[in-house]
């Protein structure tokens, strides 16, 4: 499934605009609606964004990846 979301907090780190989904500014109801309509009208865009989102999640946000990041950020990677 493609992602339709806002540019809030860390969301753009996980979902890159027009790569894994469509992002709009917070509070921009018209922009969010336009993104929904765009995906509803383009099966190929919906499919390509959805596949890219699945691939990104699978490669960047697995438990193993998150664990490695936490250990690195806390300086504990040498002890693991």
PDB file of N, CA and C in Angstrom:
ATOM      1  N   UNK A   1       0.839  -1.183   0.000  1.00  0.00           N
ATOM      2  CA  UNK A   1       0.000   0.000   0.000  1.00  0.00           C
ATOM      3  C   UNK A   1       0.884   1.248   0.000  1.00  0.00           C
ATOM      4  N   UNK A   2       0.565   2.214  -0.803  1.00  0.00           N
ATOM      5  CA  UNK A   2       1.298   3.480  -0.748  1.00  0.00           C
ATOM      6  C   UNK A   2       0.893   4.240   0.510  1.00  0.00           C
ATOM      7  N   UNK A   3       1.724   5.159   0.898  1.00  0.00           N
ATOM      8  CA  UNK A   3       1.481   5.942   2.105  1.00  0.00           C
ATOM      9  C   UNK A   3       1.035   7.347   1.719  1.00  0.00           C
ATOM     10  N   UNK A   4       0.008   7.825   2.386  1.00  0.00           N
ATOM     11  CA  UNK A   4      -0.412   9.217   2.255  1.00  0.00           C
ATOM     12  C   UNK A   4      -0.372   9.785   3.659  1.00  0.00           C
ATOM     13  N   UNK A   5       0.493  10.763   3.888  1.00  0.00           N
ATOM     14  CA  UNK A   5       0.693  11.274   5.235  1.00  0.00           C
ATOM     15  C   UNK A   5       1.144  12.730   5.196  1.00  0.00           C
ATOM     16  N   UNK A   6       1.548  13.222   6.360  1.00  0.00           N
ATOM     17  CA  UNK A   6       1.978  14.620   6.462  1.00  0.00           C
ATOM     18  C   UNK A   6       3.468  14.723   6.759  1.00  0.00           C
ATOM     19  N   UNK A   7       3.974  15.918   6.638  1.00  0.00           N
ATOM     20  CA  UNK A   7       5.379  16.219   6.922  1.00  0.00           C
ATOM     21  C   UNK A   7       5.555  16.473   8.422  1.00  0.00           C
ATOM     22  N   UNK A   8       5.155  15.529   9.238  1.00  0.00           N
ATOM     23  CA  UNK A   8       5.205  15.683  10.689  1.00  0.00           C
ATOM     24  C   UNK A   8       6.363  14.887  11.274  1.00  0.00           C
ATOM     25  N   UNK A   9       7.088  15.508  12.189  1.00  0.00           N
ATOM     26  CA  UNK A   9       8.155  14.851  12.957  1.00  0.00           C
ATOM     27  C   UNK A   9       9.070  14.025  12.052  1.00  0.00           C
ATOM     28  N   UNK A  10       9.228  12.738  12.350  1.00  0.00           N
ATOM     29  CA  UNK A  10      10.151  11.893  11.600  1.00  0.00           C
ATOM     30  C   UNK A  10       9.539  11.175  10.420  1.00  0.00           C
ATOM     31  N   UNK A  11       8.303  11.472  10.098  1.00  0.00           N
ATOM     32  CA  UNK A  11       7.645  10.782   8.987  1.00  0.00           C
ATOM     33  C   UNK A  11       8.433  10.919   7.683  1.00  0.00           C
ATOM     34  N   UNK A  12       8.903  12.117   7.313  1.00  0.00           N
ATOM     35  CA  UNK A  12       9.644  12.221   6.048  1.00  0.00           C
ATOM     36  C   UNK A  12      10.947  11.410   6.005  1.00  0.00           C
ATOM     37  N   UNK A  13      11.447  11.019   7.162  1.00  0.00           N
ATOM     38  CA  UNK A  13      12.623  10.150   7.203  1.00  0.00           C
ATOM     39  C   UNK A  13      12.250   8.738   6.747  1.00  0.00           C
ATOM     40  N   UNK A  14      11.067   8.310   7.118  1.00  0.00           N
ATOM     41  CA  UNK A  14      10.614   6.964   6.770  1.00  0.00           C
ATOM     42  C   UNK A  14       9.924   6.913   5.415  1.00  0.00           C
ATOM     43  N   UNK A  15       9.158   7.947   5.105  1.00  0.00           N
ATOM     44  CA  UNK A  15       8.404   7.996   3.854  1.00  0.00           C
ATOM     45  C   UNK A  15       8.855   9.225   3.080  1.00  0.00           C
ATOM     46  N   UNK A  16       9.552   8.987   1.992  1.00  0.00           N
ATOM     47  CA  UNK A  16      10.040  10.095   1.173  1.00  0.00           C
ATOM     48  C   UNK A  16       8.979  10.456   0.129  1.00  0.00           C
ATOM     49  N   UNK A  17       8.724  11.757   0.007  1.00  0.00           N
ATOM     50  CA  UNK A  17       7.673  12.235  -0.883  1.00  0.00           C
ATOM     51  C   UNK A  17       7.913  11.791  -2.319  1.00  0.00           C
ATOM     52  N   UNK A  18       6.909  11.163  -2.895  1.00  0.00           N
ATOM     53  CA  UNK A  18       6.885  10.681  -4.265  1.00  0.00           C
ATOM     54  C   UNK A  18       7.880   9.555  -4.518  1.00  0.00           C
ATOM     55  N   UNK A  19       8.400   8.982  -3.452  1.00  0.00           N
ATOM     56  CA  UNK A  19       9.235   7.789  -3.586  1.00  0.00           C
ATOM     57  C   UNK A  19       8.544   6.575  -2.965  1.00  0.00           C
ATOM     58  N   UNK A  20       8.062   6.736  -1.716  1.00  0.00           N
ATOM     59  CA  UNK A  20       7.294   5.669  -1.067  1.00  0.00           C
ATOM     60  C   UNK A  20       5.860   6.088  -0.774  1.00  0.00           C
ATOM     61  N   UNK A  21       5.563   7.342  -0.962  1.00  0.00           N
ATOM     62  CA  UNK A  21       4.223   7.830  -0.683  1.00  0.00           C
ATOM     63  C   UNK A  21       4.085   9.290  -1.063  1.00  0.00           C
ATOM     64  N   UNK A  22       2.957   9.866  -0.672  1.00  0.00           N
ATOM     65  CA  UNK A  22       2.689  11.270  -0.952  1.00  0.00           C
ATOM     66  C   UNK A  22       2.528  12.001   0.367  1.00  0.00           C
ATOM     67  N   UNK A  23       3.258  13.084   0.533  1.00  0.00           N
ATOM     68  CA  UNK A  23       3.237  13.854   1.767  1.00  0.00           C
ATOM     69  C   UNK A  23       2.658  15.235   1.519  1.00  0.00           C
ATOM     70  N   UNK A  24       1.996  15.763   2.520  1.00  0.00           N
ATOM     71  CA  UNK A  24       1.487  17.125   2.460  1.00  0.00           C
ATOM     72  C   UNK A  24       1.799  17.816   3.780  1.00  0.00           C
ATOM     73  N   UNK A  25       1.704  19.123   3.782  1.00  0.00           N
ATOM     74  CA  UNK A  25       1.947  19.883   5.007  1.00  0.00           C
ATOM     75  C   UNK A  25       0.854  19.564   6.024  1.00  0.00           C
ATOM     76  N   UNK A  26       1.211  19.653   7.290  1.00  0.00           N
ATOM     77  CA  UNK A  26       0.210  19.450   8.342  1.00  0.00           C
ATOM     78  C   UNK A  26      -0.894  20.489   8.209  1.00  0.00           C
ATOM     79  N   UNK A  27      -2.119  20.048   8.357  1.00  0.00           N
ATOM     80  CA  UNK A  27      -3.245  20.954   8.266  1.00  0.00           C
ATOM     81  C   UNK A  27      -3.678  21.290   6.852  1.00  0.00           C
ATOM     82  N   UNK A  28      -2.978  20.769   5.867  1.00  0.00           N
ATOM     83  CA  UNK A  28      -3.299  21.059   4.469  1.00  0.00           C
ATOM     84  C   UNK A  28      -4.303  20.027   3.945  1.00  0.00           C
ATOM     85  N   UNK A  29      -5.561  20.245   4.274  1.00  0.00           N
ATOM     86  CA  UNK A  29      -6.608  19.302   3.875  1.00  0.00           C
ATOM     87  C   UNK A  29      -6.733  19.211   2.365  1.00  0.00           C
ATOM     88  N   UNK A  30      -6.580  20.336   1.671  1.00  0.00           N
ATOM     89  CA  UNK A  30      -6.667  20.323   0.209  1.00  0.00           C
ATOM     90  C   UNK A  30      -5.526  19.504  -0.399  1.00  0.00           C
ATOM     91  N   UNK A  31      -4.330  19.665   0.144  1.00  0.00           N
ATOM     92  CA  UNK A  31      -3.181  18.897  -0.337  1.00  0.00           C
ATOM     93  C   UNK A  31      -3.351  17.412  -0.070  1.00  0.00           C
ATOM     94  N   UNK A  32      -3.849  17.067   1.104  1.00  0.00           N
ATOM     95  CA  UNK A  32      -4.091  15.668   1.443  1.00  0.00           C
ATOM     96  C   UNK A  32      -5.148  15.085   0.509  1.00  0.00           C
ATOM     97  N   UNK A  33      -6.226  15.835   0.275  1.00  0.00           N
ATOM     98  CA  UNK A  33      -7.288  15.378  -0.618  1.00  0.00           C
ATOM     99  C   UNK A  33      -6.749  15.184  -2.034  1.00  0.00           C
ATOM    100  N   UNK A  34      -5.923  16.103  -2.493  1.00  0.00           N
ATOM    101  CA  UNK A  34      -5.342  15.993  -3.836  1.00  0.00           C
ATOM    102  C   UNK A  34      -4.478  14.742  -3.947  1.00  0.00           C
ATOM    103  N   UNK A  35      -3.731  14.426  -2.900  1.00  0.00           N
ATOM    104  CA  UNK A  35      -2.910  13.216  -2.910  1.00  0.00           C
ATOM    105  C   UNK A  35      -3.771  11.962  -2.970  1.00  0.00           C
ATOM    106  N   UNK A  36      -4.867  11.947  -2.221  1.00  0.00           N
ATOM    107  CA  UNK A  36      -5.776  10.799  -2.239  1.00  0.00           C
ATOM    108  C   UNK A  36      -6.378  10.622  -3.633  1.00  0.00           C
ATOM    109  N   UNK A  37      -6.831  11.710  -4.220  1.00  0.00           N
ATOM    110  CA  UNK A  37      -7.418  11.650  -5.560  1.00  0.00           C
ATOM    111  C   UNK A  37      -6.377  11.195  -6.581  1.00  0.00           C
ATOM    112  N   UNK A  38      -5.164  11.727  -6.470  1.00  0.00           N
ATOM    113  CA  UNK A  38      -4.110  11.340  -7.418  1.00  0.00           C
ATOM    114  C   UNK A  38      -3.862   9.842  -7.382  1.00  0.00           C
ATOM    115  N   UNK A  39      -3.762   9.276  -6.190  1.00  0.00           N
ATOM    116  CA  UNK A  39      -3.536   7.829  -6.102  1.00  0.00           C
ATOM    117  C   UNK A  39      -4.756   7.033  -6.560  1.00  0.00           C
ATOM    118  N   UNK A  40      -5.939   7.542  -6.253  1.00  0.00           N
ATOM    119  CA  UNK A  40      -7.154   6.847  -6.675  1.00  0.00           C
ATOM    120  C   UNK A  40      -7.269   6.807  -8.197  1.00  0.00           C
ATOM    121  N   UNK A  41      -6.723   7.798  -8.867  1.00  0.00           N
ATOM    122  CA  UNK A  41      -6.819   7.885 -10.321  1.00  0.00           C
ATOM    123  C   UNK A  41      -5.647   7.229 -11.051  1.00  0.00           C
ATOM    124  N   UNK A  42      -4.606   6.842 -10.327  1.00  0.00           N
ATOM    125  CA  UNK A  42      -3.436   6.264 -10.986  1.00  0.00           C
ATOM    126  C   UNK A  42      -3.025   4.960 -10.311  1.00  0.00           C
ATOM    127  N   UNK A  43      -3.509   3.865 -10.879  1.00  0.00           N
ATOM    128  CA  UNK A  43      -3.158   2.558 -10.341  1.00  0.00           C
ATOM    129  C   UNK A  43      -1.645   2.322 -10.415  1.00  0.00           C
ATOM    130  N   UNK A  44      -1.020   2.752 -11.495  1.00  0.00           N
ATOM    131  CA  UNK A  44       0.423   2.520 -11.652  1.00  0.00           C
ATOM    132  C   UNK A  44       1.220   3.290 -10.595  1.00  0.00           C
ATOM    133  N   UNK A  45       0.833   4.525 -10.289  1.00  0.00           N
ATOM    134  CA  UNK A  45       1.521   5.285  -9.244  1.00  0.00           C
ATOM    135  C   UNK A  45       1.297   4.636  -7.889  1.00  0.00           C
ATOM    136  N   UNK A  46       0.071   4.259  -7.622  1.00  0.00           N
ATOM    137  CA  UNK A  46      -0.255   3.602  -6.359  1.00  0.00           C
ATOM    138  C   UNK A  46       0.566   2.330  -6.188  1.00  0.00           C
ATOM    139  N   UNK A  47       0.632   1.535  -7.231  1.00  0.00           N
ATOM    140  CA  UNK A  47       1.383   0.281  -7.176  1.00  0.00           C
ATOM    141  C   UNK A  47       2.882   0.525  -6.997  1.00  0.00           C
ATOM    142  N   UNK A  48       3.444   1.471  -7.729  1.00  0.00           N
ATOM    143  CA  UNK A  48       4.891   1.710  -7.631  1.00  0.00           C
ATOM    144  C   UNK A  48       5.267   2.293  -6.274  1.00  0.00           C
ATOM    145  N   UNK A  49       4.467   3.212  -5.748  1.00  0.00           N
ATOM    146  CA  UNK A  49       4.749   3.760  -4.427  1.00  0.00           C
ATOM    147  C   UNK A  49       4.596   2.693  -3.348  1.00  0.00           C
ATOM    148  N   UNK A  50       3.566   1.870  -3.481  1.00  0.00           N
ATOM    149  CA  UNK A  50       3.349   0.797  -2.511  1.00  0.00           C
ATOM    150  C   UNK A  50       4.496  -0.195  -2.485  1.00  0.00           C
ATOM    151  N   UNK A  51       4.972  -0.603  -3.647  1.00  0.00           N
ATOM    152  CA  UNK A  51       6.105  -1.537  -3.710  1.00  0.00           C
ATOM    153  C   UNK A  51       7.365  -0.903  -3.143  1.00  0.00           C
ATOM    154  N   UNK A  52       7.597   0.358  -3.448  1.00  0.00           N
ATOM    155  CA  UNK A  52       8.768   1.051  -2.920  1.00  0.00           C
ATOM    156  C   UNK A  52       8.675   1.184  -1.398  1.00  0.00           C
ATOM    157  N   UNK A  53       7.475   1.436  -0.881  1.00  0.00           N
ATOM    158  CA  UNK A  53       7.286   1.537   0.572  1.00  0.00           C
ATOM    159  C   UNK A  53       7.576   0.203   1.243  1.00  0.00           C
ATOM    160  N   UNK A  54       7.097  -0.876   0.640  1.00  0.00           N
ATOM    161  CA  UNK A  54       7.341  -2.211   1.188  1.00  0.00           C
ATOM    162  C   UNK A  54       8.838  -2.525   1.193  1.00  0.00           C
ATOM    163  N   UNK A  55       9.518  -2.222   0.098  1.00  0.00           N
ATOM    164  CA  UNK A  55      10.961  -2.468   0.008  1.00  0.00           C
ATOM    165  C   UNK A  55      11.732  -1.640   1.034  1.00  0.00           C
ATOM    166  N   UNK A  56      11.360  -0.374   1.182  1.00  0.00           N
ATOM    167  CA  UNK A  56      12.055   0.493   2.153  1.00  0.00           C
ATOM    168  C   UNK A  56      11.831  -0.004   3.575  1.00  0.00           C
ATOM    169  N   UNK A  57      10.609  -0.362   3.895  1.00  0.00           N
ATOM    170  CA  UNK A  57      10.316  -0.885   5.231  1.00  0.00           C
ATOM    171  C   UNK A  57      11.103  -2.162   5.493  1.00  0.00           C
ATOM    172  N   UNK A  58      11.153  -3.025   4.501  1.00  0.00           N
ATOM    173  CA  UNK A  58      11.849  -4.305   4.640  1.00  0.00           C
ATOM    174  C   UNK A  58      13.357  -4.127   4.783  1.00  0.00           C
ATOM    175  N   UNK A  59      13.907  -3.128   4.120  1.00  0.00           N
ATOM    176  CA  UNK A  59      15.362  -2.960   4.156  1.00  0.00           C
ATOM    177  C   UNK A  59      15.849  -1.991   5.230  1.00  0.00           C
ATOM    178  N   UNK A  60      15.012  -1.052   5.656  1.00  0.00           N
ATOM    179  CA  UNK A  60      15.483  -0.017   6.585  1.00  0.00           C
ATOM    180  C   UNK A  60      14.880  -0.063   7.979  1.00  0.00           C
ATOM    181  N   UNK A  61      13.764  -0.745   8.148  1.00  0.00           N
ATOM    182  CA  UNK A  61      13.061  -0.651   9.422  1.00  0.00           C
ATOM    183  C   UNK A  61      12.726  -1.997  10.044  1.00  0.00           C
ATOM    184  N   UNK A  62      13.593  -2.967   9.841  1.00  0.00           N
ATOM    185  CA  UNK A  62      13.408  -4.262  10.500  1.00  0.00           C
ATOM    186  C   UNK A  62      13.864  -4.151  11.951  1.00  0.00           C
ATOM    187  N   UNK A  63      13.489  -5.115  12.755  1.00  0.00           N
ATOM    188  CA  UNK A  63      13.925  -5.127  14.153  1.00  0.00           C
ATOM    189  C   UNK A  63      15.458  -5.137  14.226  1.00  0.00           C
ATOM    190  N   UNK A  64      16.109  -5.915  13.389  1.00  0.00           N
ATOM    191  CA  UNK A  64      17.569  -5.993  13.413  1.00  0.00           C
ATOM    192  C   UNK A  64      18.191  -4.633  13.088  1.00  0.00           C
ATOM    193  N   UNK A  65      17.634  -3.954  12.125  1.00  0.00           N
ATOM    194  CA  UNK A  65      18.144  -2.634  11.739  1.00  0.00           C
ATOM    195  C   UNK A  65      17.945  -1.632  12.874  1.00  0.00           C
ATOM    196  N   UNK A  66      16.765  -1.634  13.466  1.00  0.00           N
ATOM    197  CA  UNK A  66      16.479  -0.707  14.571  1.00  0.00           C
ATOM    198  C   UNK A  66      17.372  -1.007  15.773  1.00  0.00           C
ATOM    199  N   UNK A  67      17.574  -2.282  16.073  1.00  0.00           N
ATOM    200  CA  UNK A  67      18.452  -2.668  17.188  1.00  0.00           C
ATOM    201  C   UNK A  67      19.870  -2.157  16.952  1.00  0.00           C
ATOM    202  N   UNK A  68      20.387  -2.353  15.751  1.00  0.00           N
ATOM    203  CA  UNK A  68      21.730  -1.886  15.422  1.00  0.00           C
ATOM    204  C   UNK A  68      21.835  -0.372  15.572  1.00  0.00           C
ATOM    205  N   UNK A  69      20.802   0.360  15.137  1.00  0.00           N
ATOM    206  CA  UNK A  69      20.807   1.819  15.288  1.00  0.00           C
ATOM    207  C   UNK A  69      20.804   2.241  16.756  1.00  0.00           C
ATOM    208  N   UNK A  70      19.998   1.581  17.566  1.00  0.00           N
ATOM    209  CA  UNK A  70      19.948   1.914  18.994  1.00  0.00           C
ATOM    210  C   UNK A  70      21.290   1.647  19.646  1.00  0.00           C
ATOM    211  N   UNK A  71      21.883   0.501  19.354  1.00  0.00           N
ATOM    212  CA  UNK A  71      23.195   0.185  19.924  1.00  0.00           C
ATOM    213  C   UNK A  71      24.251   1.196  19.477  1.00  0.00           C
ATOM    214  N   UNK A  72      24.207   1.580  18.211  1.00  0.00           N
ATOM    215  CA  UNK A  72      25.176   2.560  17.701  1.00  0.00           C
ATOM    216  C   UNK A  72      24.971   3.913  18.365  1.00  0.00           C
ATOM    217  N   UNK A  73      23.732   4.366  18.445  1.00  0.00           N
ATOM    218  CA  UNK A  73      23.449   5.683  19.032  1.00  0.00           C
ATOM    219  C   UNK A  73      23.762   5.762  20.515  1.00  0.00           C
ATOM    220  N   UNK A  74      23.660   4.641  21.219  1.00  0.00           N
ATOM    221  CA  UNK A  74      23.944   4.644  22.658  1.00  0.00           C
ATOM    222  C   UNK A  74      25.394   4.261  22.970  1.00  0.00           C
ATOM    223  N   UNK A  75      26.152   3.969  21.919  1.00  0.00           N
ATOM    224  CA  UNK A  75      27.554   3.599  22.111  1.00  0.00           C
ATOM    225  C   UNK A  75      27.741   2.197  22.643  1.00  0.00           C
ATOM    226  N   UNK A  76      26.740   1.352  22.536  1.00  0.00           N
ATOM    227  CA  UNK A  76      26.792   0.009  23.073  1.00  0.00           C
ATOM    228  C   UNK A  76      27.074  -1.058  22.016  1.00  0.00           C
ATOM    229  N   UNK A  77      27.308  -0.662  20.778  1.00  0.00           N
ATOM    230  CA  UNK A  77      27.471  -1.642  19.713  1.00  0.00           C
ATOM    231  C   UNK A  77      28.687  -2.549  19.934  1.00  0.00           C
ATOM    232  N   UNK A  78      29.732  -2.041  20.557  1.00  0.00           N
ATOM    233  CA  UNK A  78      30.924  -2.850  20.804  1.00  0.00           C
ATOM    234  C   UNK A  78      30.666  -3.914  21.859  1.00  0.00           C
ATOM    235  N   UNK A  79      29.628  -3.726  22.670  1.00  0.00           N
ATOM    236  CA  UNK A  79      29.313  -4.659  23.754  1.00  0.00           C
ATOM    237  C   UNK A  79      28.284  -5.704  23.351  1.00  0.00           C
ATOM    238  N   UNK A  80      27.744  -5.580  22.171  1.00  0.00           N
ATOM    239  CA  UNK A  80      26.675  -6.510  21.760  1.00  0.00           C
ATOM    240  C   UNK A  80      27.230  -7.748  21.085  1.00  0.00           C
TER     241      UNK A  80
END
